[in-house]
Amino acid sequence: MPGLASYMEQYDHEHSSVWNKVLHGIGIPMIFAGLLLLILTKWIWGGLFFLGGWVFLFLGHRIEGNHPAFFQGPIYLLVGPIWVAKEIWMFLTGAHPAAASDGSQSKRI
């Protein structure tokens, strides 16, 4: 079974558009807030937040031109929130992801 790093890399690959990242950064927290509201308080607000969050996610994928990652497996329903938290943390701290190796580097002896 692949590890979290593998899932995160795949998720990151499928979410490269800035607009898709922004819409996920809004939509995923809305979905969680909607679930909490559905459980704890008003059903109407919970439902609106929950459905609104999904609209943002599908709009982001429409813009990017691909399907949501959870179509590949339900594990991505857990990877998505972790990915959004990572993206928000990187934005707030000014951290930049390490450059991906393309495998073309030769070994030096």
PDB file of N, CA and C in Angstrom:
ATOM      1  N   MET A   1       0.850  -1.183   0.000  1.00  0.00           N
ATOM      2  CA  MET A   1       0.000   0.000   0.000  1.00  0.00           C
ATOM      3  C   MET A   1       0.893   1.243   0.000  1.00  0.00           C
ATOM      4  N   PRO A   2       0.624   2.192  -0.893  1.00  0.00           N
ATOM      5  CA  PRO A   2       1.440   3.405  -0.950  1.00  0.00           C
ATOM      6  C   PRO A   2       1.317   4.212   0.338  1.00  0.00           C
ATOM      7  N   GLY A   3       2.368   4.960   0.629  1.00  0.00           N
ATOM      8  CA  GLY A   3       2.369   5.800   1.817  1.00  0.00           C
ATOM      9  C   GLY A   3       1.733   7.156   1.545  1.00  0.00           C
ATOM     10  N   LEU A   4       1.620   7.948   2.603  1.00  0.00           N
ATOM     11  CA  LEU A   4       1.008   9.274   2.492  1.00  0.00           C
ATOM     12  C   LEU A   4       1.743  10.146   1.486  1.00  0.00           C
ATOM     13  N   ALA A   5       3.073  10.075   1.459  1.00  0.00           N
ATOM     14  CA  ALA A   5       3.855  10.904   0.526  1.00  0.00           C
ATOM     15  C   ALA A   5       3.467  10.609  -0.919  1.00  0.00           C
ATOM     16  N   SER A   6       3.230   9.355  -1.231  1.00  0.00           N
ATOM     17  CA  SER A   6       2.830   8.969  -2.584  1.00  0.00           C
ATOM     18  C   SER A   6       1.456   9.548  -2.941  1.00  0.00           C
ATOM     19  N   TYR A   7       0.520   9.438  -2.014  1.00  0.00           N
ATOM     20  CA  TYR A   7      -0.811   9.988  -2.246  1.00  0.00           C
ATOM     21  C   TYR A   7      -0.761  11.513  -2.379  1.00  0.00           C
ATOM     22  N   MET A   8       0.053  12.144  -1.539  1.00  0.00           N
ATOM     23  CA  MET A   8       0.174  13.606  -1.586  1.00  0.00           C
ATOM     24  C   MET A   8       0.781  14.060  -2.912  1.00  0.00           C
ATOM     25  N   GLU A   9       1.776  13.333  -3.394  1.00  0.00           N
ATOM     26  CA  GLU A   9       2.405  13.670  -4.672  1.00  0.00           C
ATOM     27  C   GLU A   9       1.393  13.562  -5.810  1.00  0.00           C
ATOM     28  N   GLN A  10       0.611  12.498  -5.809  1.00  0.00           N
ATOM     29  CA  GLN A  10      -0.413  12.321  -6.845  1.00  0.00           C
ATOM     30  C   GLN A  10      -1.468  13.419  -6.750  1.00  0.00           C
ATOM     31  N   TYR A  11      -1.887  13.739  -5.539  1.00  0.00           N
ATOM     32  CA  TYR A  11      -2.901  14.771  -5.329  1.00  0.00           C
ATOM     33  C   TYR A  11      -2.368  16.123  -5.792  1.00  0.00           C
ATOM     34  N   ASP A  12      -1.110  16.411  -5.469  1.00  0.00           N
ATOM     35  CA  ASP A  12      -0.493  17.671  -5.875  1.00  0.00           C
ATOM     36  C   ASP A  12      -0.406  17.763  -7.393  1.00  0.00           C
ATOM     37  N   HIS A  13      -0.080  16.658  -8.039  1.00  0.00           N
ATOM     38  CA  HIS A  13       0.014  16.615  -9.499  1.00  0.00           C
ATOM     39  C   HIS A  13      -1.321  16.960 -10.157  1.00  0.00           C
ATOM     40  N   GLU A  14      -2.408  16.537  -9.548  1.00  0.00           N
ATOM     41  CA  GLU A  14      -3.734  16.757 -10.122  1.00  0.00           C
ATOM     42  C   GLU A  14      -4.365  18.078  -9.697  1.00  0.00           C
ATOM     43  N   HIS A  15      -3.627  18.867  -8.923  1.00  0.00           N
ATOM     44  CA  HIS A  15      -4.129  20.151  -8.448  1.00  0.00           C
ATOM     45  C   HIS A  15      -3.064  21.220  -8.660  1.00  0.00           C
ATOM     46  N   SER A  16      -2.731  21.450  -9.921  1.00  0.00           N
ATOM     47  CA  SER A  16      -1.642  22.386 -10.224  1.00  0.00           C
ATOM     48  C   SER A  16      -2.143  23.786 -10.560  1.00  0.00           C
ATOM     49  N   SER A  17      -3.377  23.928 -10.977  1.00  0.00           N
ATOM     50  CA  SER A  17      -3.939  25.235 -11.301  1.00  0.00           C
ATOM     51  C   SER A  17      -4.112  26.077 -10.041  1.00  0.00           C
ATOM     52  N   VAL A  18      -3.704  27.330 -10.117  1.00  0.00           N
ATOM     53  CA  VAL A  18      -3.855  28.227  -8.966  1.00  0.00           C
ATOM     54  C   VAL A  18      -5.319  28.350  -8.570  1.00  0.00           C
ATOM     55  N   TRP A  19      -6.206  28.462  -9.559  1.00  0.00           N
ATOM     56  CA  TRP A  19      -7.632  28.593  -9.252  1.00  0.00           C
ATOM     57  C   TRP A  19      -8.175  27.332  -8.583  1.00  0.00           C
ATOM     58  N   ASN A  20      -7.721  26.184  -9.035  1.00  0.00           N
ATOM     59  CA  ASN A  20      -8.171  24.945  -8.413  1.00  0.00           C
ATOM     60  C   ASN A  20      -7.694  24.881  -6.967  1.00  0.00           C
ATOM     61  N   LYS A  21      -6.458  25.297  -6.716  1.00  0.00           N
ATOM     62  CA  LYS A  21      -5.937  25.314  -5.347  1.00  0.00           C
ATOM     63  C   LYS A  21      -6.736  26.268  -4.467  1.00  0.00           C
ATOM     64  N   VAL A  22      -7.056  27.451  -4.986  1.00  0.00           N
ATOM     65  CA  VAL A  22      -7.829  28.433  -4.212  1.00  0.00           C
ATOM     66  C   VAL A  22      -9.221  27.890  -3.910  1.00  0.00           C
ATOM     67  N   LEU A  23      -9.858  27.328  -4.926  1.00  0.00           N
ATOM     68  CA  LEU A  23     -11.207  26.793  -4.729  1.00  0.00           C
ATOM     69  C   LEU A  23     -11.207  25.610  -3.761  1.00  0.00           C
ATOM     70  N   HIS A  24     -10.163  24.786  -3.769  1.00  0.00           N
ATOM     71  CA  HIS A  24     -10.047  23.703  -2.796  1.00  0.00           C
ATOM     72  C   HIS A  24      -9.772  24.257  -1.405  1.00  0.00           C
ATOM     73  N   GLY A  25      -8.965  25.319  -1.345  1.00  0.00           N
ATOM     74  CA  GLY A  25      -8.666  25.948  -0.060  1.00  0.00           C
ATOM     75  C   GLY A  25      -9.892  26.541   0.603  1.00  0.00           C
ATOM     76  N   ILE A  26     -10.889  26.882  -0.188  1.00  0.00           N
ATOM     77  CA  ILE A  26     -12.163  27.386   0.334  1.00  0.00           C
ATOM     78  C   ILE A  26     -13.154  26.232   0.519  1.00  0.00           C
ATOM     79  N   GLY A  27     -13.240  25.373  -0.490  1.00  0.00           N
ATOM     80  CA  GLY A  27     -14.262  24.329  -0.513  1.00  0.00           C
ATOM     81  C   GLY A  27     -14.102  23.254   0.547  1.00  0.00           C
ATOM     82  N   ILE A  28     -12.886  22.767   0.756  1.00  0.00           N
ATOM     83  CA  ILE A  28     -12.690  21.692   1.735  1.00  0.00           C
ATOM     84  C   ILE A  28     -13.012  22.157   3.152  1.00  0.00           C
ATOM     85  N   PRO A  29     -12.544  23.344   3.588  1.00  0.00           N
ATOM     86  CA  PRO A  29     -12.978  23.813   4.913  1.00  0.00           C
ATOM     87  C   PRO A  29     -14.493  24.029   5.003  1.00  0.00           C
ATOM     88  N   MET A  30     -15.123  24.459   3.887  1.00  0.00           N
ATOM     89  CA  MET A  30     -16.579  24.613   3.903  1.00  0.00           C
ATOM     90  C   MET A  30     -17.275  23.276   4.121  1.00  0.00           C
ATOM     91  N   ILE A  31     -16.756  22.220   3.493  1.00  0.00           N
ATOM     92  CA  ILE A  31     -17.346  20.893   3.661  1.00  0.00           C
ATOM     93  C   ILE A  31     -17.246  20.454   5.122  1.00  0.00           C
ATOM     94  N   PHE A  32     -16.075  20.652   5.725  1.00  0.00           N
ATOM     95  CA  PHE A  32     -15.905  20.284   7.137  1.00  0.00           C
ATOM     96  C   PHE A  32     -16.806  21.122   8.035  1.00  0.00           C
ATOM     97  N   ALA A  33     -16.880  22.425   7.765  1.00  0.00           N
ATOM     98  CA  ALA A  33     -17.755  23.287   8.559  1.00  0.00           C
ATOM     99  C   ALA A  33     -19.208  22.842   8.397  1.00  0.00           C
ATOM    100  N   GLY A  34     -19.583  22.482   7.171  1.00  0.00           N
ATOM    101  CA  GLY A  34     -20.940  22.003   6.934  1.00  0.00           C
ATOM    102  C   GLY A  34     -21.254  20.746   7.714  1.00  0.00           C
ATOM    103  N   LEU A  35     -20.289  19.822   7.758  1.00  0.00           N
ATOM    104  CA  LEU A  35     -20.502  18.601   8.532  1.00  0.00           C
ATOM    105  C   LEU A  35     -20.678  18.913  10.014  1.00  0.00           C
ATOM    106  N   LEU A  36     -19.843  19.807  10.527  1.00  0.00           N
ATOM    107  CA  LEU A  36     -19.966  20.185  11.942  1.00  0.00           C
ATOM    108  C   LEU A  36     -21.303  20.854  12.221  1.00  0.00           C
ATOM    109  N   LEU A  37     -21.712  21.750  11.327  1.00  0.00           N
ATOM    110  CA  LEU A  37     -23.003  22.426  11.511  1.00  0.00           C
ATOM    111  C   LEU A  37     -24.166  21.444  11.429  1.00  0.00           C
ATOM    112  N   LEU A  38     -24.060  20.474  10.519  1.00  0.00           N
ATOM    113  CA  LEU A  38     -25.116  19.462  10.407  1.00  0.00           C
ATOM    114  C   LEU A  38     -25.247  18.663  11.701  1.00  0.00           C
ATOM    115  N   ILE A  39     -24.112  18.365  12.315  1.00  0.00           N
ATOM    116  CA  ILE A  39     -24.112  17.558  13.539  1.00  0.00           C
ATOM    117  C   ILE A  39     -24.533  18.382  14.756  1.00  0.00           C
ATOM    118  N   LEU A  40     -24.023  19.603  14.841  1.00  0.00           N
ATOM    119  CA  LEU A  40     -24.169  20.369  16.076  1.00  0.00           C
ATOM    120  C   LEU A  40     -25.326  21.370  16.112  1.00  0.00           C
ATOM    121  N   THR A  41     -25.670  21.962  14.972  1.00  0.00           N
ATOM    122  CA  THR A  41     -26.639  23.056  15.039  1.00  0.00           C
ATOM    123  C   THR A  41     -27.677  22.986  13.929  1.00  0.00           C
ATOM    124  N   LYS A  42     -27.715  24.018  13.173  1.00  0.00           N
ATOM    125  CA  LYS A  42     -28.753  24.210  12.148  1.00  0.00           C
ATOM    126  C   LYS A  42     -28.505  23.357  10.910  1.00  0.00           C
ATOM    127  N   TRP A  43     -29.503  22.605  10.529  1.00  0.00           N
ATOM    128  CA  TRP A  43     -29.395  21.744   9.356  1.00  0.00           C
ATOM    129  C   TRP A  43     -29.258  22.544   8.074  1.00  0.00           C
ATOM    130  N   ILE A  44     -30.008  23.642   7.970  1.00  0.00           N
ATOM    131  CA  ILE A  44     -29.999  24.402   6.714  1.00  0.00           C
ATOM    132  C   ILE A  44     -28.621  24.980   6.436  1.00  0.00           C
ATOM    133  N   TRP A  45     -27.974  25.556   7.466  1.00  0.00           N
ATOM    134  CA  TRP A  45     -26.640  26.135   7.272  1.00  0.00           C
ATOM    135  C   TRP A  45     -25.620  25.043   6.982  1.00  0.00           C
ATOM    136  N   GLY A  46     -25.728  23.948   7.692  1.00  0.00           N
ATOM    137  CA  GLY A  46     -24.818  22.825   7.463  1.00  0.00           C
ATOM    138  C   GLY A  46     -24.933  22.301   6.045  1.00  0.00           C
ATOM    139  N   GLY A  47     -26.144  22.147   5.587  1.00  0.00           N
ATOM    140  CA  GLY A  47     -26.368  21.672   4.224  1.00  0.00           C
ATOM    141  C   GLY A  47     -25.848  22.641   3.186  1.00  0.00           C
ATOM    142  N   LEU A  48     -26.059  23.929   3.414  1.00  0.00           N
ATOM    143  CA  LEU A  48     -25.584  24.937   2.465  1.00  0.00           C
ATOM    144  C   LEU A  48     -24.054  24.968   2.400  1.00  0.00           C
ATOM    145  N   PHE A  49     -23.413  24.918   3.562  1.00  0.00           N
ATOM    146  CA  PHE A  49     -21.949  24.907   3.575  1.00  0.00           C
ATOM    147  C   PHE A  49     -21.411  23.634   2.923  1.00  0.00           C
ATOM    148  N   PHE A  50     -22.002  22.497   3.260  1.00  0.00           N
ATOM    149  CA  PHE A  50     -21.555  21.224   2.719  1.00  0.00           C
ATOM    150  C   PHE A  50     -21.683  21.201   1.194  1.00  0.00           C
ATOM    151  N   LEU A  51     -22.853  21.524   0.688  1.00  0.00           N
ATOM    152  CA  LEU A  51     -23.059  21.512  -0.760  1.00  0.00           C
ATOM    153  C   LEU A  51     -22.254  22.596  -1.458  1.00  0.00           C
ATOM    154  N   GLY A  52     -22.168  23.770  -0.840  1.00  0.00           N
ATOM    155  CA  GLY A  52     -21.376  24.858  -1.423  1.00  0.00           C
ATOM    156  C   GLY A  52     -19.911  24.485  -1.548  1.00  0.00           C
ATOM    157  N   GLY A  53     -19.383  23.799  -0.553  1.00  0.00           N
ATOM    158  CA  GLY A  53     -17.991  23.349  -0.614  1.00  0.00           C
ATOM    159  C   GLY A  53     -17.755  22.406  -1.778  1.00  0.00           C
ATOM    160  N   TRP A  54     -18.686  21.478  -1.988  1.00  0.00           N
ATOM    161  CA  TRP A  54     -18.545  20.550  -3.115  1.00  0.00           C
ATOM    162  C   TRP A  54     -18.645  21.279  -4.453  1.00  0.00           C
ATOM    163  N   VAL A  55     -19.483  22.301  -4.514  1.00  0.00           N
ATOM    164  CA  VAL A  55     -19.579  23.090  -5.751  1.00  0.00           C
ATOM    165  C   VAL A  55     -18.221  23.721  -6.059  1.00  0.00           C
ATOM    166  N   PHE A  56     -17.561  24.288  -5.033  1.00  0.00           N
ATOM    167  CA  PHE A  56     -16.234  24.872  -5.239  1.00  0.00           C
ATOM    168  C   PHE A  56     -15.237  23.827  -5.745  1.00  0.00           C
ATOM    169  N   LEU A  57     -15.264  22.628  -5.170  1.00  0.00           N
ATOM    170  CA  LEU A  57     -14.332  21.583  -5.596  1.00  0.00           C
ATOM    171  C   LEU A  57     -14.560  21.177  -7.046  1.00  0.00           C
ATOM    172  N   PHE A  58     -15.812  20.946  -7.416  1.00  0.00           N
ATOM    173  CA  PHE A  58     -16.089  20.541  -8.789  1.00  0.00           C
ATOM    174  C   PHE A  58     -15.816  21.671  -9.780  1.00  0.00           C
ATOM    175  N   LEU A  59     -16.046  22.908  -9.373  1.00  0.00           N
ATOM    176  CA  LEU A  59     -15.708  24.046 -10.228  1.00  0.00           C
ATOM    177  C   LEU A  59     -14.197  24.097 -10.458  1.00  0.00           C
ATOM    178  N   GLY A  60     -13.416  23.879  -9.410  1.00  0.00           N
ATOM    179  CA  GLY A  60     -11.959  23.853  -9.549  1.00  0.00           C
ATOM    180  C   GLY A  60     -11.504  22.786 -10.523  1.00  0.00           C
ATOM    181  N   HIS A  61     -12.118  21.612 -10.460  1.00  0.00           N
ATOM    182  CA  HIS A  61     -11.738  20.543 -11.378  1.00  0.00           C
ATOM    183  C   HIS A  61     -12.220  20.818 -12.790  1.00  0.00           C
ATOM    184  N   ARG A  62     -13.306  21.512 -12.910  1.00  0.00           N
ATOM    185  CA  ARG A  62     -13.781  21.914 -14.241  1.00  0.00           C
ATOM    186  C   ARG A  62     -12.772  22.870 -14.880  1.00  0.00           C
ATOM    187  N   ILE A  63     -12.280  23.819 -14.083  1.00  0.00           N
ATOM    188  CA  ILE A  63     -11.286  24.780 -14.574  1.00  0.00           C
ATOM    189  C   ILE A  63     -10.000  24.051 -14.958  1.00  0.00           C
ATOM    190  N   GLU A  64      -9.563  23.120 -14.119  1.00  0.00           N
ATOM    191  CA  GLU A  64      -8.314  22.398 -14.373  1.00  0.00           C
ATOM    192  C   GLU A  64      -8.467  21.347 -15.475  1.00  0.00           C
ATOM    193  N   GLY A  65      -9.681  20.870 -15.683  1.00  0.00           N
ATOM    194  CA  GLY A  65      -9.929  19.908 -16.750  1.00  0.00           C
ATOM    195  C   GLY A  65      -9.653  18.469 -16.362  1.00  0.00           C
ATOM    196  N   ASN A  66      -9.836  18.138 -15.090  1.00  0.00           N
ATOM    197  CA  ASN A  66      -9.660  16.749 -14.669  1.00  0.00           C
ATOM    198  C   ASN A  66     -10.751  16.365 -13.679  1.00  0.00           C
ATOM    199  N   HIS A  67     -10.736  15.104 -13.290  1.00  0.00           N
ATOM    200  CA  HIS A  67     -11.724  14.588 -12.347  1.00  0.00           C
ATOM    201  C   HIS A  67     -11.186  14.678 -10.920  1.00  0.00           C
ATOM    202  N   PRO A  68     -12.076  14.784  -9.938  1.00  0.00           N
ATOM    203  CA  PRO A  68     -11.635  14.776  -8.539  1.00  0.00           C
ATOM    204  C   PRO A  68     -10.850  13.510  -8.224  1.00  0.00           C
ATOM    205  N   ALA A  69      -9.838  13.661  -7.370  1.00  0.00           N
ATOM    206  CA  ALA A  69      -8.965  12.538  -7.029  1.00  0.00           C
ATOM    207  C   ALA A  69      -9.722  11.408  -6.336  1.00  0.00           C
ATOM    208  N   PHE A  70     -10.787  11.739  -5.598  1.00  0.00           N
ATOM    209  CA  PHE A  70     -11.485  10.670  -4.875  1.00  0.00           C
ATOM    210  C   PHE A  70     -12.187   9.701  -5.817  1.00  0.00           C
ATOM    211  N   PHE A  71     -12.278  10.020  -7.108  1.00  0.00           N
ATOM    212  CA  PHE A  71     -12.793   9.049  -8.074  1.00  0.00           C
ATOM    213  C   PHE A  71     -11.830   7.868  -8.199  1.00  0.00           C
ATOM    214  N   GLN A  72     -10.554   8.074  -7.829  1.00  0.00           N
ATOM    215  CA  GLN A  72      -9.548   7.004  -7.879  1.00  0.00           C
ATOM    216  C   GLN A  72      -9.599   6.120  -6.639  1.00  0.00           C
ATOM    217  N   GLY A  73     -10.199   6.625  -5.579  1.00  0.00           N
ATOM    218  CA  GLY A  73     -10.310   5.841  -4.357  1.00  0.00           C
ATOM    219  C   GLY A  73     -10.699   6.733  -3.195  1.00  0.00           C
ATOM    220  N   PRO A  74     -11.412   6.175  -2.220  1.00  0.00           N
ATOM    221  CA  PRO A  74     -11.887   6.979  -1.098  1.00  0.00           C
ATOM    222  C   PRO A  74     -10.776   7.519  -0.200  1.00  0.00           C
ATOM    223  N   ILE A  75      -9.559   6.973  -0.308  1.00  0.00           N
ATOM    224  CA  ILE A  75      -8.449   7.474   0.508  1.00  0.00           C
ATOM    225  C   ILE A  75      -8.206   8.958   0.250  1.00  0.00           C
ATOM    226  N   TYR A  76      -8.519   9.414  -0.958  1.00  0.00           N
ATOM    227  CA  TYR A  76      -8.296  10.815  -1.307  1.00  0.00           C
ATOM    228  C   TYR A  76      -9.247  11.761  -0.580  1.00  0.00           C
ATOM    229  N   LEU A  77     -10.329  11.226  -0.008  1.00  0.00           N
ATOM    230  CA  LEU A  77     -11.190  12.069   0.825  1.00  0.00           C
ATOM    231  C   LEU A  77     -10.470  12.459   2.113  1.00  0.00           C
ATOM    232  N   LEU A  78      -9.470  11.681   2.511  1.00  0.00           N
ATOM    233  CA  LEU A  78      -8.638  12.016   3.666  1.00  0.00           C
ATOM    234  C   LEU A  78      -7.392  12.797   3.250  1.00  0.00           C
ATOM    235  N   VAL A  79      -6.854  12.489   2.077  1.00  0.00           N
ATOM    236  CA  VAL A  79      -5.653  13.162   1.585  1.00  0.00           C
ATOM    237  C   VAL A  79      -5.951  14.627   1.286  1.00  0.00           C
ATOM    238  N   GLY A  80      -7.131  14.922   0.741  1.00  0.00           N
ATOM    239  CA  GLY A  80      -7.488  16.294   0.372  1.00  0.00           C
ATOM    240  C   GLY A  80      -7.354  17.290   1.513  1.00  0.00           C
ATOM    241  N   PRO A  81      -7.950  17.030   2.669  1.00  0.00           N
ATOM    242  CA  PRO A  81      -7.810  17.976   3.783  1.00  0.00           C
ATOM    243  C   PRO A  81      -6.361  18.141   4.255  1.00  0.00           C
ATOM    244  N   ILE A  82      -5.587  17.061   4.223  1.00  0.00           N
ATOM    245  CA  ILE A  82      -4.175  17.160   4.608  1.00  0.00           C
ATOM    246  C   ILE A  82      -3.435  18.030   3.605  1.00  0.00           C
ATOM    247  N   TRP A  83      -3.731  17.844   2.318  1.00  0.00           N
ATOM    248  CA  TRP A  83      -3.098  18.628   1.263  1.00  0.00           C
ATOM    249  C   TRP A  83      -3.442  20.115   1.413  1.00  0.00           C
ATOM    250  N   VAL A  84      -4.709  20.423   1.699  1.00  0.00           N
ATOM    251  CA  VAL A  84      -5.116  21.825   1.884  1.00  0.00           C
ATOM    252  C   VAL A  84      -4.398  22.421   3.093  1.00  0.00           C
ATOM    253  N   ALA A  85      -4.308  21.677   4.187  1.00  0.00           N
ATOM    254  CA  ALA A  85      -3.597  22.180   5.367  1.00  0.00           C
ATOM    255  C   ALA A  85      -2.139  22.458   5.028  1.00  0.00           C
ATOM    256  N   LYS A  86      -1.518  21.581   4.246  1.00  0.00           N
ATOM    257  CA  LYS A  86      -0.123  21.782   3.828  1.00  0.00           C
ATOM    258  C   LYS A  86       0.007  23.030   2.964  1.00  0.00           C
ATOM    259  N   GLU A  87      -0.903  23.202   2.013  1.00  0.00           N
ATOM    260  CA  GLU A  87      -0.861  24.369   1.128  1.00  0.00           C
ATOM    261  C   GLU A  87      -1.046  25.673   1.914  1.00  0.00           C
ATOM    262  N   ILE A  88      -1.976  25.677   2.849  1.00  0.00           N
ATOM    263  CA  ILE A  88      -2.207  26.873   3.669  1.00  0.00           C
ATOM    264  C   ILE A  88      -0.978  27.158   4.517  1.00  0.00           C
ATOM    265  N   TRP A  89      -0.397  26.117   5.121  1.00  0.00           N
ATOM    266  CA  TRP A  89       0.805  26.299   5.940  1.00  0.00           C
ATOM    267  C   TRP A  89       1.954  26.871   5.095  1.00  0.00           C
ATOM    268  N   MET A  90       2.143  26.327   3.904  1.00  0.00           N
ATOM    269  CA  MET A  90       3.211  26.822   3.024  1.00  0.00           C
ATOM    270  C   MET A  90       2.965  28.270   2.640  1.00  0.00           C
ATOM    271  N   PHE A  91       1.722  28.629   2.394  1.00  0.00           N
ATOM    272  CA  PHE A  91       1.394  30.012   2.043  1.00  0.00           C
ATOM    273  C   PHE A  91       1.677  30.949   3.215  1.00  0.00           C
ATOM    274  N   LEU A  92       1.244  30.557   4.406  1.00  0.00           N
ATOM    275  CA  LEU A  92       1.408  31.414   5.582  1.00  0.00           C
ATOM    276  C   LEU A  92       2.867  31.562   6.009  1.00  0.00           C
ATOM    277  N   THR A  93       3.654  30.516   5.824  1.00  0.00           N
ATOM    278  CA  THR A  93       5.053  30.558   6.256  1.00  0.00           C
ATOM    279  C   THR A  93       6.004  30.982   5.144  1.00  0.00           C
ATOM    280  N   GLY A  94       5.493  31.072   3.927  1.00  0.00           N
ATOM    281  CA  GLY A  94       6.352  31.436   2.800  1.00  0.00           C
ATOM    282  C   GLY A  94       7.251  30.302   2.343  1.00  0.00           C
ATOM    283  N   ALA A  95       6.972  29.094   2.784  1.00  0.00           N
ATOM    284  CA  ALA A  95       7.767  27.934   2.382  1.00  0.00           C
ATOM    285  C   ALA A  95       7.462  27.582   0.933  1.00  0.00           C
ATOM    286  N   HIS A  96       8.452  27.084   0.254  1.00  0.00           N
ATOM    287  CA  HIS A  96       8.275  26.657  -1.129  1.00  0.00           C
ATOM    288  C   HIS A  96       8.614  25.183  -1.231  1.00  0.00           C
ATOM    289  N   PRO A  97       7.855  24.446  -2.054  1.00  0.00           N
ATOM    290  CA  PRO A  97       8.149  23.013  -2.180  1.00  0.00           C
ATOM    291  C   PRO A  97       9.511  22.804  -2.824  1.00  0.00           C
ATOM    292  N   ALA A  98      10.170  21.726  -2.443  1.00  0.00           N
ATOM    293  CA  ALA A  98      11.463  21.391  -3.040  1.00  0.00           C
ATOM    294  C   ALA A  98      11.270  21.057  -4.503  1.00  0.00           C
ATOM    295  N   ALA A  99      12.236  21.426  -5.306  1.00  0.00           N
ATOM    296  CA  ALA A  99      12.157  21.132  -6.740  1.00  0.00           C
ATOM    297  C   ALA A  99      12.148  19.626  -6.941  1.00  0.00           C
ATOM    298  N   ALA A 100      11.227  19.176  -7.779  1.00  0.00           N
ATOM    299  CA  ALA A 100      11.119  17.740  -8.038  1.00  0.00           C
ATOM    300  C   ALA A 100      12.262  17.289  -8.928  1.00  0.00           C
ATOM    301  N   SER A 101      12.802  16.151  -8.614  1.00  0.00           N
ATOM    302  CA  SER A 101      13.869  15.589  -9.432  1.00  0.00           C
ATOM    303  C   SER A 101      13.258  14.907 -10.639  1.00  0.00           C
ATOM    304  N   ASP A 102      13.799  15.187 -11.810  1.00  0.00           N
ATOM    305  CA  ASP A 102      13.245  14.570 -13.018  1.00  0.00           C
ATOM    306  C   ASP A 102      13.954  13.270 -13.378  1.00  0.00           C
ATOM    307  N   GLY A 103      14.876  12.847 -12.526  1.00  0.00           N
ATOM    308  CA  GLY A 103      15.554  11.585 -12.765  1.00  0.00           C
ATOM    309  C   GLY A 103      16.682  11.687 -13.757  1.00  0.00           C
ATOM    310  N   SER A 104      16.971  12.882 -14.283  1.00  0.00           N
ATOM    311  CA  SER A 104      17.990  13.025 -15.298  1.00  0.00           C
ATOM    312  C   SER A 104      19.366  13.315 -14.706  1.00  0.00           C
ATOM    313  N   GLN A 105      19.439  13.465 -13.400  1.00  0.00           N
ATOM    314  CA  GLN A 105      20.731  13.738 -12.778  1.00  0.00           C
ATOM    315  C   GLN A 105      21.551  12.470 -12.744  1.00  0.00           C
ATOM    316  N   SER A 106      22.798  12.592 -13.100  1.00  0.00           N
ATOM    317  CA  SER A 106      23.662  11.412 -13.062  1.00  0.00           C
ATOM    318  C   SER A 106      24.363  11.348 -11.717  1.00  0.00           C
ATOM    319  N   LYS A 107      24.705  10.156 -11.317  1.00  0.00           N
ATOM    320  CA  LYS A 107      25.405   9.962 -10.049  1.00  0.00           C
ATOM    321  C   LYS A 107      26.862  10.371 -10.236  1.00  0.00           C
ATOM    322  N   ARG A 108      27.376  11.041  -9.247  1.00  0.00           N
ATOM    323  CA  ARG A 108      28.784  11.429  -9.279  1.00  0.00           C
ATOM    324  C   ARG A 108      29.567  10.486  -8.382  1.00  0.00           C
ATOM    325  N   ILE A 109      30.683  10.057  -8.887  1.00  0.00           N
ATOM    326  CA  ILE A 109      31.510   9.123  -8.130  1.00  0.00           C
ATOM    327  C   ILE A 109      32.680   9.848  -7.511  1.00  0.00           C
TER     328      ILE A 109
END
